[in-house]
């Protein structure tokens, strides 16, 4: 699969960080996802790209994928409300990573969407977490974890308990979050090639969507949606002949 490299990777990472974007985009009105490609020349891929994310996971191909190896121990150091999502950031030098295709991909940040962006057989989940990783060549890999409404999530509550309530607010987190507890025990996954789900919608991103959802309570979901003031999911995009492997 192709990966983002060089300047494209730097631009992509900047667009999924709390920094201000080149042009205003959002999830409602004139800046909603269907208009992203019109807002800035840098966002043209959002409408012209052929490998866009998110997708509906339906027909798949058996490929005997290698087990996902996660190496999380340190956890995030900052928590930000950037107006588009709630984002937890890693320190510059971190050992948090995954092993994929025989190489290490270092965790850059993770963030949340409600409802889910990717769907499974047409089903939307209550929330989706994206863990964004980068390898030494600048390629990006996103591990997606789904959440159903159900029992409260104790590990998620460590983040929710210090959730920044307004745009631009940044919080320094206590180092007691166990990222491994925000992953299902069974880490089997679907894999496909896609894009960032926010402008500039850069393609060449490797997606791993974990099959087994976690839960969060109705109260936890409401707190997130109240902080965002709107749904923050991009609609599913056409597969355009892509294969989803498992």
Protein backbone atom coordinates (compact mmCIF):
# COMPACT_ATOMS: atom_id res chain seq x y z
CA UNK A 1 0.00 0.00 0.00
CA UNK A 2 1.16 3.57 -0.65
CA UNK A 3 2.03 5.81 2.26
CA UNK A 4 2.22 9.55 2.72
CA UNK A 5 5.81 10.80 2.63
CA UNK A 6 7.80 14.01 2.95
CA UNK A 7 5.98 17.33 2.81
CA UNK A 8 2.61 15.63 2.39
CA UNK A 9 3.06 13.85 5.71
CA UNK A 10 3.95 17.06 7.52
CA UNK A 11 0.88 18.77 6.06
CA UNK A 12 -1.29 15.81 6.98
CA UNK A 13 -0.08 15.74 10.56
CA UNK A 14 -0.54 19.48 10.89
CA UNK A 15 -4.14 19.11 9.81
CA UNK A 16 -4.88 16.57 12.54
CA UNK A 17 -3.22 18.62 15.25
CA UNK A 18 -4.83 21.42 17.28
CA UNK A 19 -3.21 24.08 15.10
CA UNK A 20 -5.32 26.46 13.05
CA UNK A 21 -6.05 25.22 9.53
CA UNK A 22 -5.46 27.16 6.32
CA UNK A 23 -9.19 27.58 5.74
CA UNK A 24 -12.04 27.14 8.14
CA UNK A 25 -13.79 23.80 7.87
CA UNK A 26 -16.31 22.07 10.05
CA UNK A 27 -19.27 19.72 10.13
CA UNK A 28 -22.21 22.08 9.63
CA UNK A 29 -23.48 24.57 7.07
CA UNK A 30 -21.20 25.99 4.39
CA UNK A 31 -18.12 24.38 5.94
CA UNK A 32 -19.65 20.89 6.19
CA UNK A 33 -17.92 17.83 4.69
CA UNK A 34 -19.71 18.07 1.33
CA UNK A 35 -18.10 21.52 0.86
CA UNK A 36 -14.55 20.77 2.09
CA UNK A 37 -13.13 20.42 -1.41
CA UNK A 38 -14.43 23.89 -2.30
CA UNK A 39 -12.95 25.72 0.68
CA UNK A 40 -9.28 25.63 -0.28
CA UNK A 41 -7.17 24.32 -3.17
CA UNK A 42 -5.26 22.29 -0.57
CA UNK A 43 -8.48 20.36 0.13
CA UNK A 44 -9.24 19.29 -3.45
CA UNK A 45 -8.50 15.67 -2.59
CA UNK A 46 -11.59 15.71 -0.38
CA UNK A 47 -13.73 15.69 -3.54
CA UNK A 48 -11.35 14.31 -6.17
CA UNK A 49 -9.67 11.54 -4.20
CA UNK A 50 -10.45 7.93 -5.10
CA UNK A 51 -9.30 6.33 -1.83
CA UNK A 52 -11.17 8.40 0.73
CA UNK A 53 -12.12 7.56 4.31
CA UNK A 54 -14.26 6.68 6.15
CA UNK A 55 -15.90 3.68 4.49
CA UNK A 56 -18.64 1.14 5.08
CA UNK A 57 -17.06 -2.22 5.85
CA UNK A 58 -19.17 -4.86 4.18
CA UNK A 59 -17.61 -7.31 1.71
CA UNK A 60 -14.13 -8.40 2.78
CA UNK A 61 -11.30 -10.63 1.55
CA UNK A 62 -9.62 -13.21 3.79
CA UNK A 63 -5.90 -12.52 3.90
CA UNK A 64 -4.65 -14.10 7.17
CA UNK A 65 -3.39 -10.79 8.50
CA UNK A 66 -0.59 -10.81 11.06
CA UNK A 67 -1.76 -10.02 14.62
CA UNK A 68 -1.61 -6.33 15.52
CA UNK A 69 1.24 -5.70 17.95
CA UNK A 70 0.69 -2.70 20.21
CA UNK A 71 3.42 -1.26 22.41
CA UNK A 72 1.72 1.33 24.59
CA UNK A 73 3.16 2.23 27.99
CA UNK A 74 3.47 5.99 28.43
CA UNK A 75 0.16 7.53 27.42
CA UNK A 76 -0.59 11.08 26.25
CA UNK A 77 0.66 14.26 27.88
CA UNK A 78 -1.80 16.84 26.56
CA UNK A 79 -5.53 16.99 25.92
CA UNK A 80 -6.97 19.62 23.58
CA UNK A 81 -10.36 20.76 22.36
CA UNK A 82 -9.56 22.06 18.87
CA UNK A 83 -13.19 22.62 17.86
CA UNK A 84 -13.18 19.59 15.57
CA UNK A 85 -12.47 16.88 18.13
CA UNK A 86 -11.03 16.07 21.53
CA UNK A 87 -7.38 15.18 20.92
CA UNK A 88 -4.77 13.61 23.18
CA UNK A 89 -1.18 14.26 22.14
CA UNK A 90 2.05 12.38 22.77
CA UNK A 91 5.34 13.94 23.80
CA UNK A 92 7.90 14.42 21.03
CA UNK A 93 9.95 11.35 22.00
CA UNK A 94 7.69 8.45 22.93
CA UNK A 95 7.95 4.68 22.97
CA UNK A 96 4.23 4.24 22.32
CA UNK A 97 3.92 2.47 18.99
CA UNK A 98 2.51 -0.40 16.96
CA UNK A 99 4.40 -2.96 14.90
CA UNK A 100 2.98 -3.30 11.40
CA UNK A 101 4.54 -4.77 8.25
CA UNK A 102 7.70 -5.50 10.21
CA UNK A 103 8.34 -1.90 11.23
CA UNK A 104 7.52 0.41 14.12
CA UNK A 105 4.91 3.15 13.75
CA UNK A 106 5.07 5.73 16.54
CA UNK A 107 1.88 7.06 18.10
CA UNK A 108 1.41 10.76 17.33
CA UNK A 109 -2.00 11.42 18.89
CA UNK A 110 -5.47 9.99 19.28
CA UNK A 111 -8.88 11.61 19.03
CA UNK A 112 -12.59 10.86 18.90
CA UNK A 113 -15.59 11.08 16.56
CA UNK A 114 -19.27 10.71 17.48
CA UNK A 115 -21.05 9.00 15.91
CA UNK A 116 -18.52 6.70 14.29
CA UNK A 117 -17.07 7.58 10.89
CA UNK A 118 -16.46 4.07 9.59
CA UNK A 119 -19.50 1.81 9.60
CA UNK A 120 -19.86 -1.98 9.58
CA UNK A 121 -22.62 -3.45 7.38
CA UNK A 122 -24.18 0.01 7.47
CA UNK A 123 -24.12 0.27 11.27
CA UNK A 124 -22.89 3.44 12.93
CA UNK A 125 -21.36 3.06 16.37
CA UNK A 126 -21.85 5.60 19.15
CA UNK A 127 -18.23 6.77 19.01
CA UNK A 128 -14.95 5.96 17.27
CA UNK A 129 -11.40 6.56 18.50
CA UNK A 130 -8.55 7.07 16.02
CA UNK A 131 -4.97 6.36 17.13
CA UNK A 132 -2.70 8.02 14.56
CA UNK A 133 0.79 6.57 14.00
CA UNK A 134 3.71 7.52 11.77
CA UNK A 135 6.67 5.46 10.56
CA UNK A 136 10.19 6.70 9.86
CA UNK A 137 9.35 7.28 6.18
CA UNK A 138 6.43 9.54 7.05
CA UNK A 139 3.69 6.99 6.32
CA UNK A 140 0.55 7.15 8.45
CA UNK A 141 -1.42 4.29 10.00
CA UNK A 142 -4.65 4.78 11.93
CA UNK A 143 -6.00 2.22 14.39
CA UNK A 144 -9.75 2.72 14.87
CA UNK A 145 -11.64 1.52 17.95
CA UNK A 146 -15.43 1.50 18.04
CA UNK A 147 -17.61 2.19 21.08
CA UNK A 148 -21.20 1.06 21.65
CA UNK A 149 -23.48 2.61 24.26
CA UNK A 150 -23.47 0.41 27.34
CA UNK A 151 -21.47 0.22 30.54
CA UNK A 152 -19.37 3.23 31.52
CA UNK A 153 -15.73 3.02 30.45
CA UNK A 154 -13.44 3.52 33.45
CA UNK A 155 -10.29 4.21 31.43
CA UNK A 156 -12.10 6.64 29.15
CA UNK A 157 -13.33 8.45 32.27
CA UNK A 158 -9.73 9.40 33.09
CA UNK A 159 -9.81 11.51 29.92
CA UNK A 160 -13.41 12.63 30.29
CA UNK A 161 -12.74 13.79 33.86
CA UNK A 162 -10.39 16.50 32.59
CA UNK A 163 -12.13 17.13 29.26
CA UNK A 164 -11.52 20.68 27.95
CA UNK A 165 -14.96 22.25 27.71
CA UNK A 166 -14.24 25.03 25.22
CA UNK A 167 -12.37 25.43 21.94
CA UNK A 168 -8.68 26.20 22.33
CA UNK A 169 -8.44 24.84 25.86
CA UNK A 170 -5.44 22.57 26.53
CA UNK A 171 -5.01 20.34 29.57
CA UNK A 172 -1.88 18.59 30.85
CA UNK A 173 -2.84 15.02 31.71
CA UNK A 174 -1.70 12.96 34.66
CA UNK A 175 0.45 10.02 33.51
CA UNK A 176 -1.97 7.35 34.73
CA UNK A 177 -3.89 6.53 31.55
CA UNK A 178 -3.43 2.95 30.34
CA UNK A 179 -3.92 3.05 26.59
CA UNK A 180 -4.02 -0.73 26.46
CA UNK A 181 -7.34 -0.59 28.31
CA UNK A 182 -8.79 1.51 25.48
CA UNK A 183 -8.29 -1.45 23.14
CA UNK A 184 -10.36 -4.65 23.05
CA UNK A 185 -8.65 -7.83 24.24
CA UNK A 186 -9.19 -9.34 20.79
CA UNK A 187 -7.39 -6.98 18.43
CA UNK A 188 -8.45 -8.64 15.17
CA UNK A 189 -9.06 -6.04 12.49
CA UNK A 190 -10.09 -5.06 8.99
CA UNK A 191 -7.40 -3.36 6.89
CA UNK A 192 -7.72 -1.06 3.90
CA UNK A 193 -6.01 1.89 2.23
CA UNK A 194 -7.71 5.23 2.80
CA UNK A 195 -7.22 8.85 3.73
CA UNK A 196 -7.41 11.32 6.56
CA UNK A 197 -11.08 11.90 7.41
CA UNK A 198 -10.53 15.65 7.79
CA UNK A 199 -9.04 18.24 5.40
CA UNK A 200 -6.78 17.97 3.47
CA UNK A 201 -8.09 14.36 3.15
CA UNK A 202 -4.60 13.16 2.16
CA UNK A 203 -4.55 9.59 0.85
CA UNK A 204 -2.09 6.73 1.34
CA UNK A 205 -3.15 6.17 4.97
CA UNK A 206 -3.21 2.57 6.20
CA UNK A 207 -6.40 1.90 8.18
CA UNK A 208 -6.84 -0.85 10.77
CA UNK A 209 -10.40 -0.96 12.14
CA UNK A 210 -10.66 -3.22 15.17
CA UNK A 211 -13.59 -5.63 14.95
CA UNK A 212 -14.60 -5.74 18.61
CA UNK A 213 -16.15 -2.58 20.11
CA UNK A 214 -15.77 -1.28 23.64
CA UNK A 215 -18.55 0.51 25.52
CA UNK A 216 -19.17 3.94 26.98
CA UNK A 217 -22.16 5.15 28.94
CA UNK A 218 -24.88 7.45 27.66
CA UNK A 219 -23.59 10.07 30.08
CA UNK A 220 -20.05 9.79 28.71
CA UNK A 221 -21.30 10.10 25.15
CA UNK A 222 -23.43 13.12 26.05
CA UNK A 223 -20.48 14.87 27.69
CA UNK A 224 -18.43 14.51 24.52
CA UNK A 225 -21.18 15.67 22.18
CA UNK A 226 -21.90 18.62 24.48
CA UNK A 227 -18.23 19.67 24.33
CA UNK A 228 -18.27 19.42 20.51
CA UNK A 229 -21.75 21.04 20.12
CA UNK A 230 -22.31 18.95 16.96
CA UNK A 231 -21.67 15.55 15.42
CA UNK A 232 -18.09 15.35 14.14
CA UNK A 233 -18.20 12.46 11.69
CA UNK A 234 -17.50 12.62 7.97
CA UNK A 235 -20.00 10.56 5.90
CA UNK A 236 -18.77 7.27 4.41
CA UNK A 237 -17.03 7.52 1.04
CA UNK A 238 -17.10 5.28 -2.03
CA UNK A 239 -14.76 2.29 -2.07
CA UNK A 240 -13.95 2.79 -5.77
CA UNK A 241 -12.85 -0.81 -6.11
CA UNK A 242 -10.69 -0.97 -2.98
CA UNK A 243 -10.39 -4.26 -1.13
CA UNK A 244 -10.98 -4.62 2.61
CA UNK A 245 -8.90 -7.48 3.99
CA UNK A 246 -9.14 -9.38 7.24
